[in-house]
PDB file of all heavy atoms in Angstrom:
ATOM      1  N   PRO A   1      80.551 143.930 153.032  1.00  0.00           N
ATOM      2  CA  PRO A   1      80.044 143.277 151.820  1.00  0.00           C
ATOM      3  C   PRO A   1      79.576 144.250 150.735  1.00  0.00           C
ATOM      4  O   PRO A   1      79.600 143.907 149.565  1.00  0.00           O
ATOM      5  CB  PRO A   1      78.879 142.424 152.326  1.00  0.00           C
ATOM      6  CG  PRO A   1      78.571 142.907 153.690  1.00  0.00           C
ATOM      7  CD  PRO A   1      79.791 143.602 154.212  1.00  0.00           C
ATOM      8  N   ASP A   2      79.174 145.450 151.109  1.00  0.00           N
ATOM      9  CA  ASP A   2      78.692 146.392 150.103  1.00  0.00           C
ATOM     10  C   ASP A   2      79.822 147.210 149.473  1.00  0.00           C
ATOM     11  O   ASP A   2      79.594 148.075 148.650  1.00  0.00           O
ATOM     12  CB  ASP A   2      77.635 147.328 150.703  1.00  0.00           C
ATOM     13  CG  ASP A   2      78.176 148.153 151.854  1.00  0.00           C
ATOM     14  OD1 ASP A   2      79.153 147.719 152.484  1.00  0.00           O
ATOM     15  OD2 ASP A   2      77.601 149.222 152.138  1.00  0.00           O
ATOM     16  N   ARG A   3      81.067 146.922 149.849  1.00  0.00           N
ATOM     17  CA  ARG A   3      82.237 147.627 149.299  1.00  0.00           C
ATOM     18  C   ARG A   3      82.979 146.707 148.357  1.00  0.00           C
ATOM     19  O   ARG A   3      83.061 145.503 148.569  1.00  0.00           O
ATOM     20  CB  ARG A   3      83.187 148.043 150.423  1.00  0.00           C
ATOM     21  CG  ARG A   3      82.602 148.955 151.434  1.00  0.00           C
ATOM     22  CD  ARG A   3      82.697 150.351 150.951  1.00  0.00           C
ATOM     23  NE  ARG A   3      82.130 151.232 151.954  1.00  0.00           N
ATOM     24  CZ  ARG A   3      82.417 152.482 152.048  1.00  0.00           C
ATOM     25  NH1 ARG A   3      83.260 153.027 151.219  1.00  0.00           N
ATOM     26  NH2 ARG A   3      81.858 153.213 152.961  1.00  0.00           N
ATOM     27  N   HIS A   4      83.548 147.308 147.339  1.00  0.00           N
ATOM     28  CA  HIS A   4      84.376 146.530 146.422  1.00  0.00           C
ATOM     29  C   HIS A   4      85.808 147.037 146.519  1.00  0.00           C
ATOM     30  O   HIS A   4      86.033 148.184 146.916  1.00  0.00           O
ATOM     31  CB  HIS A   4      83.851 146.671 144.987  1.00  0.00           C
ATOM     32  CG  HIS A   4      84.003 148.059 144.449  1.00  0.00           C
ATOM     33  ND1 HIS A   4      83.134 149.083 144.776  1.00  0.00           N
ATOM     34  CD2 HIS A   4      84.944 148.607 143.633  1.00  0.00           C
ATOM     35  CE1 HIS A   4      83.530 150.196 144.171  1.00  0.00           C
ATOM     36  NE2 HIS A   4      84.613 149.939 143.482  1.00  0.00           N
ATOM     37  N   PRO A   5      86.773 146.204 146.177  1.00  0.00           N
ATOM     38  CA  PRO A   5      88.161 146.683 146.175  1.00  0.00           C
ATOM     39  C   PRO A   5      88.292 147.835 145.175  1.00  0.00           C
ATOM     40  O   PRO A   5      87.607 147.870 144.152  1.00  0.00           O
ATOM     41  CB  PRO A   5      88.974 145.475 145.709  1.00  0.00           C
ATOM     42  CG  PRO A   5      88.069 144.297 145.835  1.00  0.00           C
ATOM     43  CD  PRO A   5      86.663 144.810 145.772  1.00  0.00           C
ATOM     44  N   LEU A   6      89.157 148.775 145.495  1.00  0.00           N
ATOM     45  CA  LEU A   6      89.369 149.893 144.582  1.00  0.00           C
ATOM     46  C   LEU A   6      89.978 149.410 143.277  1.00  0.00           C
ATOM     47  O   LEU A   6      90.821 148.521 143.262  1.00  0.00           O
ATOM     48  CB  LEU A   6      90.290 150.942 145.212  1.00  0.00           C
ATOM     49  CG  LEU A   6      89.743 151.714 146.413  1.00  0.00           C
ATOM     50  CD1 LEU A   6      90.784 152.712 146.899  1.00  0.00           C
ATOM     51  CD2 LEU A   6      88.445 152.408 146.096  1.00  0.00           C
ATOM     52  N   THR A   7      89.560 150.051 142.225  1.00  0.00           N
ATOM     53  CA  THR A   7      90.125 149.743 140.912  1.00  0.00           C
ATOM     54  C   THR A   7      91.395 150.562 140.715  1.00  0.00           C
ATOM     55  O   THR A   7      91.674 151.504 141.469  1.00  0.00           O
ATOM     56  CB  THR A   7      89.124 150.101 139.797  1.00  0.00           C
ATOM     57  OG1 THR A   7      88.938 151.527 139.799  1.00  0.00           O
ATOM     58  CG2 THR A   7      87.795 149.383 139.985  1.00  0.00           C
ATOM     59  N   ASP A   8      92.147 150.237 139.681  1.00  0.00           N
ATOM     60  CA  ASP A   8      93.343 151.024 139.356  1.00  0.00           C
ATOM     61  C   ASP A   8      92.972 152.477 139.104  1.00  0.00           C
ATOM     62  O   ASP A   8      93.670 153.392 139.558  1.00  0.00           O
ATOM     63  CB  ASP A   8      94.045 150.442 138.125  1.00  0.00           C
ATOM     64  CG  ASP A   8      94.721 149.110 138.408  1.00  0.00           C
ATOM     65  OD1 ASP A   8      94.906 148.784 139.605  1.00  0.00           O
ATOM     66  OD2 ASP A   8      95.058 148.411 137.437  1.00  0.00           O
ATOM     67  N   VAL A   9      91.884 152.705 138.417  1.00  0.00           N
ATOM     68  CA  VAL A   9      91.441 154.077 138.127  1.00  0.00           C
ATOM     69  C   VAL A   9      91.100 154.819 139.419  1.00  0.00           C
ATOM     70  O   VAL A   9      91.454 155.988 139.587  1.00  0.00           O
ATOM     71  CB  VAL A   9      90.241 154.073 137.153  1.00  0.00           C
ATOM     72  CG1 VAL A   9      89.609 155.455 137.039  1.00  0.00           C
ATOM     73  CG2 VAL A   9      90.673 153.563 135.787  1.00  0.00           C
ATOM     74  N   GLU A  10      90.427 154.142 140.349  1.00  0.00           N
ATOM     75  CA  GLU A  10      90.082 154.785 141.618  1.00  0.00           C
ATOM     76  C   GLU A  10      91.336 155.124 142.430  1.00  0.00           C
ATOM     77  O   GLU A  10      91.421 156.181 143.057  1.00  0.00           O
ATOM     78  CB  GLU A  10      89.132 153.891 142.416  1.00  0.00           C
ATOM     79  CG  GLU A  10      87.738 153.842 141.805  1.00  0.00           C
ATOM     80  CD  GLU A  10      86.854 152.782 142.429  1.00  0.00           C
ATOM     81  OE1 GLU A  10      87.358 151.658 142.718  1.00  0.00           O
ATOM     82  OE2 GLU A  10      85.655 153.077 142.602  1.00  0.00           O
ATOM     83  N   TYR A  11      92.320 154.228 142.410  1.00  0.00           N
ATOM     84  CA  TYR A  11      93.584 154.550 143.067  1.00  0.00           C
ATOM     85  C   TYR A  11      94.244 155.763 142.407  1.00  0.00           C
ATOM     86  O   TYR A  11      94.793 156.636 143.084  1.00  0.00           O
ATOM     87  CB  TYR A  11      94.551 153.356 143.050  1.00  0.00           C
ATOM     88  CG  TYR A  11      94.328 152.378 144.169  1.00  0.00           C
ATOM     89  CD1 TYR A  11      93.865 151.095 143.915  1.00  0.00           C
ATOM     90  CD2 TYR A  11      94.604 152.732 145.493  1.00  0.00           C
ATOM     91  CE1 TYR A  11      93.671 150.194 144.946  1.00  0.00           C
ATOM     92  CE2 TYR A  11      94.411 151.828 146.523  1.00  0.00           C
ATOM     93  CZ  TYR A  11      93.944 150.572 146.253  1.00  0.00           C
ATOM     94  OH  TYR A  11      93.748 149.686 147.272  1.00  0.00           O
ATOM     95  N   GLN A  12      94.198 155.835 141.097  1.00  0.00           N
ATOM     96  CA  GLN A  12      94.761 156.982 140.380  1.00  0.00           C
ATOM     97  C   GLN A  12      94.017 158.258 140.756  1.00  0.00           C
ATOM     98  O   GLN A  12      94.631 159.313 140.968  1.00  0.00           O
ATOM     99  CB  GLN A  12      94.715 156.735 138.872  1.00  0.00           C
ATOM    100  CG  GLN A  12      95.648 155.637 138.418  1.00  0.00           C
ATOM    101  CD  GLN A  12      95.330 155.118 137.018  1.00  0.00           C
ATOM    102  OE1 GLN A  12      94.438 155.600 136.334  1.00  0.00           O
ATOM    103  NE2 GLN A  12      96.075 154.094 136.596  1.00  0.00           N
ATOM    104  N   GLN A  13      92.692 158.170 140.841  1.00  0.00           N
ATOM    105  CA  GLN A  13      91.897 159.335 141.218  1.00  0.00           C
ATOM    106  C   GLN A  13      92.201 159.771 142.646  1.00  0.00           C
ATOM    107  O   GLN A  13      92.302 160.963 142.934  1.00  0.00           O
ATOM    108  CB  GLN A  13      90.404 159.028 141.083  1.00  0.00           C
ATOM    109  CG  GLN A  13      89.947 158.865 139.653  1.00  0.00           C
ATOM    110  CD  GLN A  13      88.534 158.319 139.551  1.00  0.00           C
ATOM    111  OE1 GLN A  13      88.068 157.592 140.432  1.00  0.00           O
ATOM    112  NE2 GLN A  13      87.853 158.669 138.471  1.00  0.00           N
ATOM    113  N   LEU A  14      92.356 158.799 143.531  1.00  0.00           N
ATOM    114  CA  LEU A  14      92.689 159.101 144.918  1.00  0.00           C
ATOM    115  C   LEU A  14      94.050 159.782 145.008  1.00  0.00           C
ATOM    116  O   LEU A  14      94.213 160.786 145.715  1.00  0.00           O
ATOM    117  CB  LEU A  14      92.667 157.826 145.758  1.00  0.00           C
ATOM    118  CG  LEU A  14      92.953 157.983 147.242  1.00  0.00           C
ATOM    119  CD1 LEU A  14      91.968 158.929 147.906  1.00  0.00           C
ATOM    120  CD2 LEU A  14      92.923 156.613 147.921  1.00  0.00           C
ATOM    121  N   LEU A  15      95.019 159.268 144.294  1.00  0.00           N
ATOM    122  CA  LEU A  15      96.344 159.886 144.271  1.00  0.00           C
ATOM    123  C   LEU A  15      96.271 161.305 143.733  1.00  0.00           C
ATOM    124  O   LEU A  15      96.836 162.233 144.320  1.00  0.00           O
ATOM    125  CB  LEU A  15      97.313 159.054 143.427  1.00  0.00           C
ATOM    126  CG  LEU A  15      98.697 159.690 143.207  1.00  0.00           C
ATOM    127  CD1 LEU A  15      99.420 159.886 144.525  1.00  0.00           C
ATOM    128  CD2 LEU A  15      99.503 158.845 142.242  1.00  0.00           C
ATOM    129  N   GLU A  16      95.550 161.491 142.640  1.00  0.00           N
ATOM    130  CA  GLU A  16      95.442 162.827 142.051  1.00  0.00           C
ATOM    131  C   GLU A  16      94.769 163.795 143.021  1.00  0.00           C
ATOM    132  O   GLU A  16      95.209 164.930 143.174  1.00  0.00           O
ATOM    133  CB  GLU A  16      94.674 162.776 140.731  1.00  0.00           C
ATOM    134  CG  GLU A  16      94.688 164.112 140.024  1.00  0.00           C
ATOM    135  CD  GLU A  16      94.141 164.044 138.610  1.00  0.00           C
ATOM    136  OE1 GLU A  16      93.875 162.936 138.095  1.00  0.00           O
ATOM    137  OE2 GLU A  16      93.973 165.119 138.021  1.00  0.00           O
ATOM    138  N   PHE A  17      93.712 163.328 143.695  1.00  0.00           N
ATOM    139  CA  PHE A  17      93.045 164.199 144.666  1.00  0.00           C
ATOM    140  C   PHE A  17      93.999 164.579 145.793  1.00  0.00           C
ATOM    141  O   PHE A  17      94.100 165.737 146.181  1.00  0.00           O
ATOM    142  CB  PHE A  17      91.788 163.538 145.234  1.00  0.00           C
ATOM    143  CG  PHE A  17      91.184 164.332 146.354  1.00  0.00           C
ATOM    144  CD1 PHE A  17      90.497 165.508 146.088  1.00  0.00           C
ATOM    145  CD2 PHE A  17      91.337 163.927 147.672  1.00  0.00           C
ATOM    146  CE1 PHE A  17      89.959 166.266 147.118  1.00  0.00           C
ATOM    147  CE2 PHE A  17      90.808 164.672 148.709  1.00  0.00           C
ATOM    148  CZ  PHE A  17      90.116 165.840 148.427  1.00  0.00           C
ATOM    149  N   ARG A  18      94.704 163.599 146.334  1.00  0.00           N
ATOM    150  CA  ARG A  18      95.640 163.885 147.429  1.00  0.00           C
ATOM    151  C   ARG A  18      96.760 164.808 146.970  1.00  0.00           C
ATOM    152  O   ARG A  18      97.187 165.694 147.711  1.00  0.00           O
ATOM    153  CB  ARG A  18      96.182 162.585 148.016  1.00  0.00           C
ATOM    154  CG  ARG A  18      95.102 161.809 148.790  1.00  0.00           C
ATOM    155  CD  ARG A  18      95.651 160.507 149.342  1.00  0.00           C
ATOM    156  NE  ARG A  18      96.766 160.741 150.257  1.00  0.00           N
ATOM    157  CZ  ARG A  18      96.629 160.866 151.580  1.00  0.00           C
ATOM    158  NH1 ARG A  18      95.448 160.779 152.134  1.00  0.00           N
ATOM    159  NH2 ARG A  18      97.690 161.062 152.328  1.00  0.00           N
ATOM    160  N   ASP A  19      97.245 164.609 145.742  1.00  0.00           N
ATOM    161  CA  ASP A  19      98.253 165.517 145.190  1.00  0.00           C
ATOM    162  C   ASP A  19      97.708 166.942 145.119  1.00  0.00           C
ATOM    163  O   ASP A  19      98.377 167.903 145.490  1.00  0.00           O
ATOM    164  CB  ASP A  19      98.687 165.073 143.792  1.00  0.00           C
ATOM    165  CG  ASP A  19      99.577 163.841 143.789  1.00  0.00           C
ATOM    166  OD1 ASP A  19     100.072 163.451 144.868  1.00  0.00           O
ATOM    167  OD2 ASP A  19      99.764 163.263 142.690  1.00  0.00           O
ATOM    168  N   ARG A  20      96.487 167.065 144.631  1.00  0.00           N
ATOM    169  CA  ARG A  20      95.852 168.392 144.515  1.00  0.00           C
ATOM    170  C   ARG A  20      95.619 169.004 145.893  1.00  0.00           C
ATOM    171  O   ARG A  20      95.783 170.208 146.063  1.00  0.00           O
ATOM    172  CB  ARG A  20      94.525 168.289 143.762  1.00  0.00           C
ATOM    173  CG  ARG A  20      94.639 167.819 142.355  1.00  0.00           C
ATOM    174  CD  ARG A  20      95.067 168.927 141.456  1.00  0.00           C
ATOM    175  NE  ARG A  20      95.209 168.413 140.107  1.00  0.00           N
ATOM    176  CZ  ARG A  20      95.082 169.152 139.045  1.00  0.00           C
ATOM    177  NH1 ARG A  20      94.825 170.421 139.133  1.00  0.00           N
ATOM    178  NH2 ARG A  20      95.252 168.626 137.858  1.00  0.00           N
ATOM    179  N   LEU A  21      95.222 168.189 146.844  1.00  0.00           N
ATOM    180  CA  LEU A  21      94.996 168.684 148.193  1.00  0.00           C
ATOM    181  C   LEU A  21      96.293 169.219 148.795  1.00  0.00           C
ATOM    182  O   LEU A  21      96.325 170.318 149.362  1.00  0.00           O
ATOM    183  CB  LEU A  21      94.420 167.568 149.074  1.00  0.00           C
ATOM    184  CG  LEU A  21      94.083 167.934 150.515  1.00  0.00           C
ATOM    185  CD1 LEU A  21      93.072 169.067 150.580  1.00  0.00           C
ATOM    186  CD2 LEU A  21      93.549 166.701 151.238  1.00  0.00           C
ATOM    187  N   ARG A  22      97.371 168.466 148.656  1.00  0.00           N
ATOM    188  CA  ARG A  22      98.663 168.942 149.165  1.00  0.00           C
ATOM    189  C   ARG A  22      99.104 170.204 148.432  1.00  0.00           C
ATOM    190  O   ARG A  22      99.644 171.132 149.043  1.00  0.00           O
ATOM    191  CB  ARG A  22      99.715 167.835 149.061  1.00  0.00           C
ATOM    192  CG  ARG A  22      99.561 166.777 150.149  1.00  0.00           C
ATOM    193  CD  ARG A  22     100.775 165.873 150.303  1.00  0.00           C
ATOM    194  NE  ARG A  22     101.427 165.479 149.080  1.00  0.00           N
ATOM    195  CZ  ARG A  22     101.038 164.454 148.298  1.00  0.00           C
ATOM    196  NH1 ARG A  22      99.993 163.735 148.628  1.00  0.00           N
ATOM    197  NH2 ARG A  22     101.700 164.160 147.217  1.00  0.00           N
ATOM    198  N   SER A  23      98.868 170.256 147.144  1.00  0.00           N
ATOM    199  CA  SER A  23      99.213 171.458 146.376  1.00  0.00           C
ATOM    200  C   SER A  23      98.406 172.657 146.854  1.00  0.00           C
ATOM    201  O   SER A  23      98.929 173.767 146.986  1.00  0.00           O
ATOM    202  CB  SER A  23      98.961 171.237 144.883  1.00  0.00           C
ATOM    203  OG  SER A  23      99.850 170.287 144.375  1.00  0.00           O
ATOM    204  N   PHE A  24      97.114 172.429 147.122  1.00  0.00           N
ATOM    205  CA  PHE A  24      96.274 173.507 147.639  1.00  0.00           C
ATOM    206  C   PHE A  24      96.816 174.018 148.970  1.00  0.00           C
ATOM    207  O   PHE A  24      96.923 175.226 149.178  1.00  0.00           O
ATOM    208  CB  PHE A  24      94.819 173.050 147.813  1.00  0.00           C
ATOM    209  CG  PHE A  24      93.998 174.029 148.603  1.00  0.00           C
ATOM    210  CD1 PHE A  24      93.539 175.193 148.010  1.00  0.00           C
ATOM    211  CD2 PHE A  24      93.713 173.797 149.939  1.00  0.00           C
ATOM    212  CE1 PHE A  24      92.794 176.110 148.743  1.00  0.00           C
ATOM    213  CE2 PHE A  24      92.976 174.709 150.670  1.00  0.00           C
ATOM    214  CZ  PHE A  24      92.510 175.869 150.074  1.00  0.00           C
ATOM    215  N   LEU A  25      97.177 173.108 149.861  1.00  0.00           N
ATOM    216  CA  LEU A  25      97.686 173.517 151.163  1.00  0.00           C
ATOM    217  C   LEU A  25      98.988 174.300 151.020  1.00  0.00           C
ATOM    218  O   LEU A  25      99.178 175.327 151.679  1.00  0.00           O
ATOM    219  CB  LEU A  25      97.877 172.302 152.071  1.00  0.00           C
ATOM    220  CG  LEU A  25      96.579 171.630 152.517  1.00  0.00           C
ATOM    221  CD1 LEU A  25      96.876 170.347 153.277  1.00  0.00           C
ATOM    222  CD2 LEU A  25      95.731 172.579 153.335  1.00  0.00           C
ATOM    223  N   ARG A  26      99.881 173.832 150.157  1.00  0.00           N
ATOM    224  CA  ARG A  26     101.135 174.581 149.929  1.00  0.00           C
ATOM    225  C   ARG A  26     100.864 175.953 149.359  1.00  0.00           C
ATOM    226  O   ARG A  26     101.462 176.944 149.746  1.00  0.00           O
ATOM    227  CB  ARG A  26     102.052 173.794 148.985  1.00  0.00           C
ATOM    228  CG  ARG A  26     102.763 172.694 149.691  1.00  0.00           C
ATOM    229  CD  ARG A  26     104.177 172.536 149.133  1.00  0.00           C
ATOM    230  NE  ARG A  26     104.861 171.563 149.944  1.00  0.00           N
ATOM    231  CZ  ARG A  26     105.345 170.423 149.489  1.00  0.00           C
ATOM    232  NH1 ARG A  26     105.245 170.131 148.215  1.00  0.00           N
ATOM    233  NH2 ARG A  26     105.953 169.601 150.297  1.00  0.00           N
ATOM    234  N   TRP A  27      99.948 176.020 148.391  1.00  0.00           N
ATOM    235  CA  TRP A  27      99.587 177.301 147.779  1.00  0.00           C
ATOM    236  C   TRP A  27      99.010 178.241 148.838  1.00  0.00           C
ATOM    237  O   TRP A  27      99.384 179.408 148.914  1.00  0.00           O
ATOM    238  CB  TRP A  27      98.579 177.050 146.650  1.00  0.00           C
ATOM    239  CG  TRP A  27      98.008 178.300 146.085  1.00  0.00           C
ATOM    240  CD1 TRP A  27      98.552 179.087 145.115  1.00  0.00           C
ATOM    241  CD2 TRP A  27      96.779 178.924 146.453  1.00  0.00           C
ATOM    242  NE1 TRP A  27      97.734 180.150 144.860  1.00  0.00           N
ATOM    243  CE2 TRP A  27      96.641 180.077 145.677  1.00  0.00           C
ATOM    244  CE3 TRP A  27      95.786 178.600 147.380  1.00  0.00           C
ATOM    245  CZ2 TRP A  27      95.549 180.926 145.788  1.00  0.00           C
ATOM    246  CZ3 TRP A  27      94.694 179.442 147.495  1.00  0.00           C
ATOM    247  CH2 TRP A  27      94.586 180.582 146.709  1.00  0.00           C
ATOM    248  N   SER A  28      98.111 177.736 149.673  1.00  0.00           N
ATOM    249  CA  SER A  28      97.479 178.536 150.710  1.00  0.00           C
ATOM    250  C   SER A  28      98.513 179.030 151.727  1.00  0.00           C
ATOM    251  O   SER A  28      98.469 180.181 152.163  1.00  0.00           O
ATOM    252  CB  SER A  28      96.383 177.720 151.402  1.00  0.00           C
ATOM    253  OG  SER A  28      95.739 178.489 152.386  1.00  0.00           O
ATOM    254  N   GLU A  29      99.449 178.163 152.094  1.00  0.00           N
ATOM    255  CA  GLU A  29     100.506 178.552 153.029  1.00  0.00           C
ATOM    256  C   GLU A  29     101.377 179.654 152.438  1.00  0.00           C
ATOM    257  O   GLU A  29     101.757 180.599 153.126  1.00  0.00           O
ATOM    258  CB  GLU A  29     101.343 177.340 153.411  1.00  0.00           C
ATOM    259  CG  GLU A  29     100.588 176.344 154.265  1.00  0.00           C
ATOM    260  CD  GLU A  29     101.292 175.004 154.405  1.00  0.00           C
ATOM    261  OE1 GLU A  29     102.368 174.799 153.782  1.00  0.00           O
ATOM    262  OE2 GLU A  29     100.756 174.150 155.141  1.00  0.00           O
ATOM    263  N   ALA A  30     101.686 179.545 151.166  1.00  0.00           N
ATOM    264  CA  ALA A  30     102.489 180.582 150.498  1.00  0.00           C
ATOM    265  C   ALA A  30     101.737 181.909 150.462  1.00  0.00           C
ATOM    266  O   ALA A  30     102.336 182.978 150.653  1.00  0.00           O
ATOM    267  CB  ALA A  30     102.866 180.138 149.083  1.00  0.00           C
ATOM    268  N   ARG A  31     100.429 181.852 150.208  1.00  0.00           N
ATOM    269  CA  ARG A  31      99.611 183.075 150.214  1.00  0.00           C
ATOM    270  C   ARG A  31      99.654 183.725 151.592  1.00  0.00           C
ATOM    271  O   ARG A  31      99.777 184.939 151.705  1.00  0.00           O
ATOM    272  CB  ARG A  31      98.162 182.763 149.838  1.00  0.00           C
ATOM    273  CG  ARG A  31      97.942 182.333 148.421  1.00  0.00           C
ATOM    274  CD  ARG A  31      97.813 183.485 147.435  1.00  0.00           C
ATOM    275  NE  ARG A  31      96.700 184.330 147.822  1.00  0.00           N
ATOM    276  CZ  ARG A  31      96.764 185.661 147.887  1.00  0.00           C
ATOM    277  NH1 ARG A  31      97.859 186.286 147.571  1.00  0.00           N
ATOM    278  NH2 ARG A  31      95.737 186.363 148.263  1.00  0.00           N
ATOM    279  N   ALA A  32      99.556 182.928 152.647  1.00  0.00           N
ATOM    280  CA  ALA A  32      99.605 183.473 154.008  1.00  0.00           C
ATOM    281  C   ALA A  32     100.949 184.162 154.245  1.00  0.00           C
ATOM    282  O   ALA A  32     100.995 185.297 154.726  1.00  0.00           O
ATOM    283  CB  ALA A  32      99.379 182.366 155.038  1.00  0.00           C
ATOM    284  N   ARG A  33     102.030 183.483 153.878  1.00  0.00           N
ATOM    285  CA  ARG A  33     103.360 184.076 154.074  1.00  0.00           C
ATOM    286  C   ARG A  33     103.520 185.363 153.279  1.00  0.00           C
ATOM    287  O   ARG A  33     104.215 186.283 153.711  1.00  0.00           O
ATOM    288  CB  ARG A  33     104.440 183.073 153.692  1.00  0.00           C
ATOM    289  CG  ARG A  33     104.599 181.954 154.698  1.00  0.00           C
ATOM    290  CD  ARG A  33     105.780 181.042 154.353  1.00  0.00           C
ATOM    291  NE  ARG A  33     105.798 179.890 155.208  1.00  0.00           N
ATOM    292  CZ  ARG A  33     105.309 178.683 154.869  1.00  0.00           C
ATOM    293  NH1 ARG A  33     104.802 178.484 153.665  1.00  0.00           N
ATOM    294  NH2 ARG A  33     105.345 177.687 155.716  1.00  0.00           N
ATOM    295  N   SER A  34     102.870 185.443 152.112  1.00  0.00           N
ATOM    296  CA  SER A  34     103.011 186.638 151.265  1.00  0.00           C
ATOM    297  C   SER A  34     102.424 187.891 151.912  1.00  0.00           C
ATOM    298  O   SER A  34     102.783 188.998 151.537  1.00  0.00           O
ATOM    299  CB  SER A  34     102.371 186.405 149.885  1.00  0.00           C
ATOM    300  OG  SER A  34     100.955 186.486 149.959  1.00  0.00           O
ATOM    301  N   VAL A  35     101.518 187.715 152.885  1.00  0.00           N
ATOM    302  CA  VAL A  35     100.956 188.874 153.585  1.00  0.00           C
ATOM    303  C   VAL A  35     101.490 188.984 155.011  1.00  0.00           C
ATOM    304  O   VAL A  35     100.970 189.750 155.820  1.00  0.00           O
ATOM    305  CB  VAL A  35      99.398 188.870 153.587  1.00  0.00           C
ATOM    306  CG1 VAL A  35      98.863 188.931 152.180  1.00  0.00           C
ATOM    307  CG2 VAL A  35      98.841 187.696 154.356  1.00  0.00           C
ATOM    308  N   GLY A  36     102.542 188.196 155.315  1.00  0.00           N
ATOM    309  CA  GLY A  36     103.189 188.302 156.613  1.00  0.00           C
ATOM    310  C   GLY A  36     102.603 187.439 157.707  1.00  0.00           C
ATOM    311  O   GLY A  36     102.889 187.664 158.884  1.00  0.00           O
ATOM    312  N   LEU A  37     101.785 186.456 157.346  1.00  0.00           N
ATOM    313  CA  LEU A  37     101.230 185.535 158.337  1.00  0.00           C
ATOM    314  C   LEU A  37     101.880 184.172 158.199  1.00  0.00           C
ATOM    315  O   LEU A  37     102.224 183.760 157.096  1.00  0.00           O
ATOM    316  CB  LEU A  37      99.720 185.346 158.121  1.00  0.00           C
ATOM    317  CG  LEU A  37      98.801 186.515 158.371  1.00  0.00           C
ATOM    318  CD1 LEU A  37      97.373 186.148 157.992  1.00  0.00           C
ATOM    319  CD2 LEU A  37      98.864 186.947 159.827  1.00  0.00           C
ATOM    320  N   SER A  38     102.009 183.493 159.316  1.00  0.00           N
ATOM    321  CA  SER A  38     102.402 182.090 159.234  1.00  0.00           C
ATOM    322  C   SER A  38     101.159 181.298 158.827  1.00  0.00           C
ATOM    323  O   SER A  38     100.030 181.762 159.026  1.00  0.00           O
ATOM    324  CB  SER A  38     102.925 181.596 160.582  1.00  0.00           C
ATOM    325  OG  SER A  38     101.855 181.484 161.511  1.00  0.00           O
ATOM    326  N   PRO A  39     101.340 180.116 158.262  1.00  0.00           N
ATOM    327  CA  PRO A  39     100.164 179.299 157.946  1.00  0.00           C
ATOM    328  C   PRO A  39      99.300 179.021 159.184  1.00  0.00           C
ATOM    329  O   PRO A  39      98.068 179.004 159.094  1.00  0.00           O
ATOM    330  CB  PRO A  39     100.769 178.011 157.383  1.00  0.00           C
ATOM    331  CG  PRO A  39     102.069 178.451 156.789  1.00  0.00           C
ATOM    332  CD  PRO A  39     102.567 179.524 157.727  1.00  0.00           C
TER     333      PRO A  39
END
């Protein structure tokens, strides 16, 4: 009862965060490979 359905803006924010999170992980994995380590 204390929760409300997500708004369109909240869904957009959630998508953007998840996109950024995946981008961060890809970036971090590439950095690891650049020094000869697997992720």
